[in-house]
Amino acid sequence: MNPQPDWTPAQWFNEAVRCYIEGHQACPWCDGSHRVFKSERAGRLDFYCYCCDFYVGYEEQTDCYHVVPGRQDAAAERHRVAGCF
């Protein structure tokens, strides 16, 4: 994956939605399939990759998007320990 550091949180959110649907729970940061958890609760929609720690979320009440970039070191460590690939 070629992360786009200049994207806004809203752009990352839209990409996360697309990857989750089209890429079988894929992560827009590290590009892996079957590794993103989606949660919906109390007016929030969140996507989290357990392999690289990428996070993006949307709060309906405040109309705010939040993003935390993924980490290559997290992906490498989890690949070694938990078999992320």
PDB file of N, CA and C in Angstrom:
ATOM      1  N   MET A   1       0.845  -1.187   0.000  1.00  0.00           N
ATOM      2  CA  MET A   1       0.000   0.000   0.000  1.00  0.00           C
ATOM      3  C   MET A   1       0.879   1.234   0.000  1.00  0.00           C
ATOM      4  N   ASN A   2       0.386   2.257  -0.625  1.00  0.00           N
ATOM      5  CA  ASN A   2       1.071   3.543  -0.655  1.00  0.00           C
ATOM      6  C   ASN A   2       0.238   4.525   0.165  1.00  0.00           C
ATOM      7  N   PRO A   3       0.450   4.593   1.483  1.00  0.00           N
ATOM      8  CA  PRO A   3      -0.361   5.487   2.314  1.00  0.00           C
ATOM      9  C   PRO A   3      -0.295   6.932   1.826  1.00  0.00           C
ATOM     10  N   GLN A   4      -1.398   7.607   1.939  1.00  0.00           N
ATOM     11  CA  GLN A   4      -1.534   9.000   1.517  1.00  0.00           C
ATOM     12  C   GLN A   4      -1.558   9.888   2.758  1.00  0.00           C
ATOM     13  N   PRO A   5      -0.398  10.315   3.262  1.00  0.00           N
ATOM     14  CA  PRO A   5      -0.373  11.072   4.514  1.00  0.00           C
ATOM     15  C   PRO A   5      -1.094  12.413   4.437  1.00  0.00           C
ATOM     16  N   ASP A   6      -1.316  12.913   3.235  1.00  0.00           N
ATOM     17  CA  ASP A   6      -1.982  14.207   3.115  1.00  0.00           C
ATOM     18  C   ASP A   6      -3.501  14.087   3.025  1.00  0.00           C
ATOM     19  N   TRP A   7      -4.037  12.866   3.075  1.00  0.00           N
ATOM     20  CA  TRP A   7      -5.486  12.700   3.059  1.00  0.00           C
ATOM     21  C   TRP A   7      -6.087  13.226   4.355  1.00  0.00           C
ATOM     22  N   THR A   8      -7.294  13.720   4.260  1.00  0.00           N
ATOM     23  CA  THR A   8      -8.035  14.155   5.447  1.00  0.00           C
ATOM     24  C   THR A   8      -8.593  12.923   6.156  1.00  0.00           C
ATOM     25  N   PRO A   9      -8.971  13.056   7.425  1.00  0.00           N
ATOM     26  CA  PRO A   9      -9.610  11.928   8.103  1.00  0.00           C
ATOM     27  C   PRO A   9     -10.866  11.431   7.368  1.00  0.00           C
ATOM     28  N   ALA A  10     -11.627  12.334   6.773  1.00  0.00           N
ATOM     29  CA  ALA A  10     -12.823  11.925   6.031  1.00  0.00           C
ATOM     30  C   ALA A  10     -12.447  11.076   4.812  1.00  0.00           C
ATOM     31  N   GLN A  11     -11.368  11.433   4.127  1.00  0.00           N
ATOM     32  CA  GLN A  11     -10.918  10.650   2.981  1.00  0.00           C
ATOM     33  C   GLN A  11     -10.455   9.259   3.425  1.00  0.00           C
ATOM     34  N   TRP A  12      -9.732   9.205   4.545  1.00  0.00           N
ATOM     35  CA  TRP A  12      -9.313   7.909   5.076  1.00  0.00           C
ATOM     36  C   TRP A  12     -10.519   7.067   5.464  1.00  0.00           C
ATOM     37  N   PHE A  13     -11.530   7.704   6.043  1.00  0.00           N
ATOM     38  CA  PHE A  13     -12.737   6.975   6.430  1.00  0.00           C
ATOM     39  C   PHE A  13     -13.401   6.368   5.193  1.00  0.00           C
ATOM     40  N   ASN A  14     -13.563   7.176   4.148  1.00  0.00           N
ATOM     41  CA  ASN A  14     -14.192   6.677   2.919  1.00  0.00           C
ATOM     42  C   ASN A  14     -13.393   5.533   2.304  1.00  0.00           C
ATOM     43  N   GLU A  15     -12.075   5.642   2.352  1.00  0.00           N
ATOM     44  CA  GLU A  15     -11.228   4.567   1.828  1.00  0.00           C
ATOM     45  C   GLU A  15     -11.346   3.315   2.696  1.00  0.00           C
ATOM     46  N   ALA A  16     -11.457   3.495   4.000  1.00  0.00           N
ATOM     47  CA  ALA A  16     -11.624   2.347   4.901  1.00  0.00           C
ATOM     48  C   ALA A  16     -12.939   1.628   4.623  1.00  0.00           C
ATOM     49  N   VAL A  17     -13.997   2.373   4.395  1.00  0.00           N
ATOM     50  CA  VAL A  17     -15.292   1.767   4.060  1.00  0.00           C
ATOM     51  C   VAL A  17     -15.161   0.966   2.765  1.00  0.00           C
ATOM     52  N   ARG A  18     -14.547   1.580   1.752  1.00  0.00           N
ATOM     53  CA  ARG A  18     -14.383   0.909   0.457  1.00  0.00           C
ATOM     54  C   ARG A  18     -13.558  -0.372   0.606  1.00  0.00           C
ATOM     55  N   CYS A  19     -12.426  -0.277   1.297  1.00  0.00           N
ATOM     56  CA  CYS A  19     -11.570  -1.450   1.482  1.00  0.00           C
ATOM     57  C   CYS A  19     -12.259  -2.542   2.283  1.00  0.00           C
ATOM     58  N   TYR A  20     -13.010  -2.151   3.288  1.00  0.00           N
ATOM     59  CA  TYR A  20     -13.716  -3.125   4.125  1.00  0.00           C
ATOM     60  C   TYR A  20     -14.700  -3.933   3.280  1.00  0.00           C
ATOM     61  N   ILE A  21     -15.406  -3.239   2.392  1.00  0.00           N
ATOM     62  CA  ILE A  21     -16.421  -3.904   1.565  1.00  0.00           C
ATOM     63  C   ILE A  21     -15.783  -4.641   0.387  1.00  0.00           C
ATOM     64  N   GLU A  22     -14.968  -3.945  -0.386  1.00  0.00           N
ATOM     65  CA  GLU A  22     -14.413  -4.516  -1.609  1.00  0.00           C
ATOM     66  C   GLU A  22     -13.230  -5.442  -1.359  1.00  0.00           C
ATOM     67  N   GLY A  23     -12.510  -5.232  -0.279  1.00  0.00           N
ATOM     68  CA  GLY A  23     -11.301  -6.017  -0.017  1.00  0.00           C
ATOM     69  C   GLY A  23     -11.469  -7.063   1.060  1.00  0.00           C
ATOM     70  N   HIS A  24     -12.703  -7.433   1.375  1.00  0.00           N
ATOM     71  CA  HIS A  24     -12.954  -8.459   2.381  1.00  0.00           C
ATOM     72  C   HIS A  24     -12.306  -8.106   3.718  1.00  0.00           C
ATOM     73  N   GLN A  25     -12.781  -7.022   4.307  1.00  0.00           N
ATOM     74  CA  GLN A  25     -12.286  -6.527   5.591  1.00  0.00           C
ATOM     75  C   GLN A  25     -10.813  -6.126   5.495  1.00  0.00           C
ATOM     76  N   ALA A  26     -10.457  -5.497   4.383  1.00  0.00           N
ATOM     77  CA  ALA A  26      -9.069  -5.093   4.138  1.00  0.00           C
ATOM     78  C   ALA A  26      -8.744  -3.765   4.818  1.00  0.00           C
ATOM     79  N   CYS A  27      -7.462  -3.574   5.061  1.00  0.00           N
ATOM     80  CA  CYS A  27      -6.954  -2.348   5.661  1.00  0.00           C
ATOM     81  C   CYS A  27      -6.433  -1.413   4.572  1.00  0.00           C
ATOM     82  N   PRO A  28      -6.857  -0.159   4.573  1.00  0.00           N
ATOM     83  CA  PRO A  28      -6.361   0.773   3.570  1.00  0.00           C
ATOM     84  C   PRO A  28      -4.910   1.188   3.818  1.00  0.00           C
ATOM     85  N   TRP A  29      -4.393   0.929   5.005  1.00  0.00           N
ATOM     86  CA  TRP A  29      -3.015   1.334   5.317  1.00  0.00           C
ATOM     87  C   TRP A  29      -2.014   0.248   4.933  1.00  0.00           C
ATOM     88  N   CYS A  30      -2.227  -0.973   5.437  1.00  0.00           N
ATOM     89  CA  CYS A  30      -1.252  -2.042   5.192  1.00  0.00           C
ATOM     90  C   CYS A  30      -1.688  -2.995   4.087  1.00  0.00           C
ATOM     91  N   ASP A  31      -2.904  -2.840   3.587  1.00  0.00           N
ATOM     92  CA  ASP A  31      -3.389  -3.553   2.401  1.00  0.00           C
ATOM     93  C   ASP A  31      -3.769  -5.008   2.630  1.00  0.00           C
ATOM     94  N   GLY A  32      -3.788  -5.475   3.840  1.00  0.00           N
ATOM     95  CA  GLY A  32      -4.117  -6.874   4.074  1.00  0.00           C
ATOM     96  C   GLY A  32      -5.604  -7.109   4.206  1.00  0.00           C
ATOM     97  N   SER A  33      -6.052  -8.274   3.748  1.00  0.00           N
ATOM     98  CA  SER A  33      -7.459  -8.658   3.863  1.00  0.00           C
ATOM     99  C   SER A  33      -7.720  -9.394   5.174  1.00  0.00           C
ATOM    100  N   HIS A  34      -8.969  -9.397   5.584  1.00  0.00           N
ATOM    101  CA  HIS A  34      -9.434 -10.137   6.765  1.00  0.00           C
ATOM    102  C   HIS A  34      -8.719  -9.722   8.049  1.00  0.00           C
ATOM    103  N   ARG A  35      -8.508  -8.433   8.231  1.00  0.00           N
ATOM    104  CA  ARG A  35      -7.827  -7.977   9.449  1.00  0.00           C
ATOM    105  C   ARG A  35      -8.419  -6.712  10.048  1.00  0.00           C
ATOM    106  N   VAL A  36      -9.510  -6.204   9.505  1.00  0.00           N
ATOM    107  CA  VAL A  36     -10.104  -4.968  10.015  1.00  0.00           C
ATOM    108  C   VAL A  36     -11.401  -5.290  10.756  1.00  0.00           C
ATOM    109  N   PHE A  37     -11.509  -4.759  11.953  1.00  0.00           N
ATOM    110  CA  PHE A  37     -12.735  -4.868  12.735  1.00  0.00           C
ATOM    111  C   PHE A  37     -13.554  -3.601  12.541  1.00  0.00           C
ATOM    112  N   LYS A  38     -14.832  -3.773  12.341  1.00  0.00           N
ATOM    113  CA  LYS A  38     -15.754  -2.642  12.220  1.00  0.00           C
ATOM    114  C   LYS A  38     -16.659  -2.680  13.440  1.00  0.00           C
ATOM    115  N   SER A  39     -16.828  -1.517  14.082  1.00  0.00           N
ATOM    116  CA  SER A  39     -17.749  -1.468  15.218  1.00  0.00           C
ATOM    117  C   SER A  39     -18.668  -0.259  15.077  1.00  0.00           C
ATOM    118  N   GLU A  40     -19.906  -0.470  15.453  1.00  0.00           N
ATOM    119  CA  GLU A  40     -20.904   0.590  15.436  1.00  0.00           C
ATOM    120  C   GLU A  40     -21.524   0.642  16.825  1.00  0.00           C
ATOM    121  N   ARG A  41     -21.477   1.849  17.428  1.00  0.00           N
ATOM    122  CA  ARG A  41     -22.079   2.008  18.754  1.00  0.00           C
ATOM    123  C   ARG A  41     -22.300   3.486  19.040  1.00  0.00           C
ATOM    124  N   ALA A  42     -23.399   3.784  19.622  1.00  0.00           N
ATOM    125  CA  ALA A  42     -23.713   5.136  20.102  1.00  0.00           C
ATOM    126  C   ALA A  42     -23.370   6.237  19.102  1.00  0.00           C
ATOM    127  N   GLY A  43     -23.801   6.068  17.859  1.00  0.00           N
ATOM    128  CA  GLY A  43     -23.553   7.102  16.865  1.00  0.00           C
ATOM    129  C   GLY A  43     -22.133   7.174  16.344  1.00  0.00           C
ATOM    130  N   ARG A  44     -21.345   6.113  16.566  1.00  0.00           N
ATOM    131  CA  ARG A  44     -19.958   6.054  16.075  1.00  0.00           C
ATOM    132  C   ARG A  44     -19.814   4.857  15.150  1.00  0.00           C
ATOM    133  N   LEU A  45     -19.000   5.035  14.131  1.00  0.00           N
ATOM    134  CA  LEU A  45     -18.628   3.934  13.254  1.00  0.00           C
ATOM    135  C   LEU A  45     -17.103   3.938  13.183  1.00  0.00           C
ATOM    136  N   ASP A  46     -16.488   2.836  13.609  1.00  0.00           N
ATOM    137  CA  ASP A  46     -15.037   2.740  13.703  1.00  0.00           C
ATOM    138  C   ASP A  46     -14.514   1.553  12.907  1.00  0.00           C
ATOM    139  N   PHE A  47     -13.320   1.716  12.346  1.00  0.00           N
ATOM    140  CA  PHE A  47     -12.600   0.649  11.670  1.00  0.00           C
ATOM    141  C   PHE A  47     -11.207   0.581  12.296  1.00  0.00           C
ATOM    142  N   TYR A  48     -10.778  -0.635  12.654  1.00  0.00           N
ATOM    143  CA  TYR A  48      -9.477  -0.813  13.302  1.00  0.00           C
ATOM    144  C   TYR A  48      -8.782  -2.033  12.714  1.00  0.00           C
ATOM    145  N   CYS A  49      -7.520  -1.876  12.301  1.00  0.00           N
ATOM    146  CA  CYS A  49      -6.719  -2.984  11.796  1.00  0.00           C
ATOM    147  C   CYS A  49      -5.854  -3.530  12.925  1.00  0.00           C
ATOM    148  N   TYR A  50      -6.037  -4.797  13.233  1.00  0.00           N
ATOM    149  CA  TYR A  50      -5.269  -5.387  14.321  1.00  0.00           C
ATOM    150  C   TYR A  50      -3.826  -5.706  13.919  1.00  0.00           C
ATOM    151  N   CYS A  51      -3.498  -5.605  12.632  1.00  0.00           N
ATOM    152  CA  CYS A  51      -2.120  -5.888  12.222  1.00  0.00           C
ATOM    153  C   CYS A  51      -1.217  -4.661  12.246  1.00  0.00           C
ATOM    154  N   CYS A  52      -1.737  -3.503  11.843  1.00  0.00           N
ATOM    155  CA  CYS A  52      -0.859  -2.323  11.809  1.00  0.00           C
ATOM    156  C   CYS A  52      -1.342  -1.201  12.735  1.00  0.00           C
ATOM    157  N   ASP A  53      -2.415  -1.429  13.463  1.00  0.00           N
ATOM    158  CA  ASP A  53      -2.990  -0.459  14.408  1.00  0.00           C
ATOM    159  C   ASP A  53      -3.596   0.772  13.732  1.00  0.00           C
ATOM    160  N   PHE A  54      -3.894   0.689  12.437  1.00  0.00           N
ATOM    161  CA  PHE A  54      -4.606   1.787  11.763  1.00  0.00           C
ATOM    162  C   PHE A  54      -6.005   1.887  12.362  1.00  0.00           C
ATOM    163  N   TYR A  55      -6.443   3.120  12.589  1.00  0.00           N
ATOM    164  CA  TYR A  55      -7.779   3.366  13.125  1.00  0.00           C
ATOM    165  C   TYR A  55      -8.383   4.565  12.406  1.00  0.00           C
ATOM    166  N   VAL A  56      -9.654   4.459  12.079  1.00  0.00           N
ATOM    167  CA  VAL A  56     -10.396   5.605  11.563  1.00  0.00           C
ATOM    168  C   VAL A  56     -11.824   5.479  12.064  1.00  0.00           C
ATOM    169  N   GLY A  57     -12.409   6.621  12.413  1.00  0.00           N
ATOM    170  CA  GLY A  57     -13.765   6.600  12.938  1.00  0.00           C
ATOM    171  C   GLY A  57     -14.535   7.864  12.600  1.00  0.00           C
ATOM    172  N   TYR A  58     -15.842   7.748  12.733  1.00  0.00           N
ATOM    173  CA  TYR A  58     -16.736   8.869  12.473  1.00  0.00           C
ATOM    174  C   TYR A  58     -17.739   8.966  13.606  1.00  0.00           C
ATOM    175  N   GLU A  59     -17.899  10.175  14.145  1.00  0.00           N
ATOM    176  CA  GLU A  59     -18.894  10.455  15.186  1.00  0.00           C
ATOM    177  C   GLU A  59     -20.042  11.246  14.569  1.00  0.00           C
ATOM    178  N   GLU A  60     -21.203  10.624  14.528  1.00  0.00           N
ATOM    179  CA  GLU A  60     -22.369  11.260  13.912  1.00  0.00           C
ATOM    180  C   GLU A  60     -22.795  12.525  14.649  1.00  0.00           C
ATOM    181  N   GLN A  61     -22.783  12.502  15.963  1.00  0.00           N
ATOM    182  CA  GLN A  61     -23.258  13.636  16.764  1.00  0.00           C
ATOM    183  C   GLN A  61     -22.444  14.904  16.507  1.00  0.00           C
ATOM    184  N   THR A  62     -21.134  14.772  16.372  1.00  0.00           N
ATOM    185  CA  THR A  62     -20.277  15.940  16.161  1.00  0.00           C
ATOM    186  C   THR A  62     -19.879  16.125  14.701  1.00  0.00           C
ATOM    187  N   ASP A  63     -20.236  15.163  13.854  1.00  0.00           N
ATOM    188  CA  ASP A  63     -19.866  15.157  12.446  1.00  0.00           C
ATOM    189  C   ASP A  63     -18.344  15.256  12.281  1.00  0.00           C
ATOM    190  N   CYS A  64     -17.606  14.519  13.136  1.00  0.00           N
ATOM    191  CA  CYS A  64     -16.136  14.546  13.117  1.00  0.00           C
ATOM    192  C   CYS A  64     -15.577  13.181  12.733  1.00  0.00           C
ATOM    193  N   TYR A  65     -14.494  13.235  11.976  1.00  0.00           N
ATOM    194  CA  TYR A  65     -13.733  12.046  11.602  1.00  0.00           C
ATOM    195  C   TYR A  65     -12.416  12.063  12.367  1.00  0.00           C
ATOM    196  N   HIS A  66     -11.933  10.863  12.703  1.00  0.00           N
ATOM    197  CA  HIS A  66     -10.668  10.727  13.416  1.00  0.00           C
ATOM    198  C   HIS A  66      -9.847   9.640  12.736  1.00  0.00           C
ATOM    199  N   VAL A  67      -8.547   9.855  12.652  1.00  0.00           N
ATOM    200  CA  VAL A  67      -7.680   8.842  12.051  1.00  0.00           C
ATOM    201  C   VAL A  67      -6.378   8.737  12.852  1.00  0.00           C
ATOM    202  N   VAL A  68      -5.890   7.503  12.982  1.00  0.00           N
ATOM    203  CA  VAL A  68      -4.575   7.228  13.562  1.00  0.00           C
ATOM    204  C   VAL A  68      -3.839   6.379  12.534  1.00  0.00           C
ATOM    205  N   PRO A  69      -2.732   6.879  11.994  1.00  0.00           N
ATOM    206  CA  PRO A  69      -2.012   6.133  10.953  1.00  0.00           C
ATOM    207  C   PRO A  69      -1.557   4.762  11.445  1.00  0.00           C
ATOM    208  N   GLY A  70      -1.460   3.836  10.512  1.00  0.00           N
ATOM    209  CA  GLY A  70      -0.926   2.517  10.831  1.00  0.00           C
ATOM    210  C   GLY A  70       0.576   2.594  11.053  1.00  0.00           C
ATOM    211  N   ARG A  71       1.120   1.530  11.632  1.00  0.00           N
ATOM    212  CA  ARG A  71       2.563   1.490  11.923  1.00  0.00           C
ATOM    213  C   ARG A  71       3.168   0.249  11.288  1.00  0.00           C
ATOM    214  N   GLN A  72       4.232   0.441  10.548  1.00  0.00           N
ATOM    215  CA  GLN A  72       4.923  -0.703   9.941  1.00  0.00           C
ATOM    216  C   GLN A  72       5.506  -1.629  11.002  1.00  0.00           C
ATOM    217  N   ASP A  73       6.034  -1.059  12.080  1.00  0.00           N
ATOM    218  CA  ASP A  73       6.630  -1.899  13.122  1.00  0.00           C
ATOM    219  C   ASP A  73       5.574  -2.768  13.790  1.00  0.00           C
ATOM    220  N   ALA A  74       4.353  -2.260  13.932  1.00  0.00           N
ATOM    221  CA  ALA A  74       3.273  -3.061  14.515  1.00  0.00           C
ATOM    222  C   ALA A  74       2.928  -4.212  13.588  1.00  0.00           C
ATOM    223  N   ALA A  75       2.864  -3.952  12.290  1.00  0.00           N
ATOM    224  CA  ALA A  75       2.545  -4.998  11.324  1.00  0.00           C
ATOM    225  C   ALA A  75       3.626  -6.080  11.330  1.00  0.00           C
ATOM    226  N   ALA A  76       4.883  -5.675  11.345  1.00  0.00           N
ATOM    227  CA  ALA A  76       5.977  -6.645  11.337  1.00  0.00           C
ATOM    228  C   ALA A  76       5.960  -7.502  12.599  1.00  0.00           C
ATOM    229  N   GLU A  77       5.744  -6.883  13.749  1.00  0.00           N
ATOM    230  CA  GLU A  77       5.718  -7.627  15.006  1.00  0.00           C
ATOM    231  C   GLU A  77       4.540  -8.601  15.058  1.00  0.00           C
ATOM    232  N   ARG A  78       3.379  -8.156  14.640  1.00  0.00           N
ATOM    233  CA  ARG A  78       2.211  -9.038  14.669  1.00  0.00           C
ATOM    234  C   ARG A  78       2.344 -10.158  13.646  1.00  0.00           C
ATOM    235  N   HIS A  79       2.979  -9.879  12.528  1.00  0.00           N
ATOM    236  CA  HIS A  79       3.211 -10.937  11.532  1.00  0.00           C
ATOM    237  C   HIS A  79       4.082 -12.026  12.162  1.00  0.00           C
ATOM    238  N   ARG A  80       5.093 -11.626  12.862  1.00  0.00           N
ATOM    239  CA  ARG A  80       5.995 -12.588  13.498  1.00  0.00           C
ATOM    240  C   ARG A  80       5.269 -13.391  14.582  1.00  0.00           C
ATOM    241  N   VAL A  81       4.440 -12.707  15.381  1.00  0.00           N
ATOM    242  CA  VAL A  81       3.805 -13.355  16.531  1.00  0.00           C
ATOM    243  C   VAL A  81       2.479 -14.021  16.175  1.00  0.00           C
ATOM    244  N   ALA A  82       1.631 -13.323  15.413  1.00  0.00           N
ATOM    245  CA  ALA A  82       0.269 -13.804  15.220  1.00  0.00           C
ATOM    246  C   ALA A  82      -0.032 -14.271  13.797  1.00  0.00           C
ATOM    247  N   GLY A  83       0.924 -14.186  12.912  1.00  0.00           N
ATOM    248  CA  GLY A  83       0.702 -14.668  11.558  1.00  0.00           C
ATOM    249  C   GLY A  83      -0.029 -13.710  10.649  1.00  0.00           C
ATOM    250  N   CYS A  84       0.012 -12.419  10.924  1.00  0.00           N
ATOM    251  CA  CYS A  84      -0.562 -11.444   9.982  1.00  0.00           C
ATOM    252  C   CYS A  84       0.278 -11.468   8.728  1.00  0.00           C
ATOM    253  N   PHE A  85      -0.376 -11.467   7.600  1.00  0.00           N
ATOM    254  CA  PHE A  85       0.366 -11.470   6.341  1.00  0.00           C
ATOM    255  C   PHE A  85      -0.329 -10.628   5.326  1.00  0.00           C
TER     256      PHE A  85
END
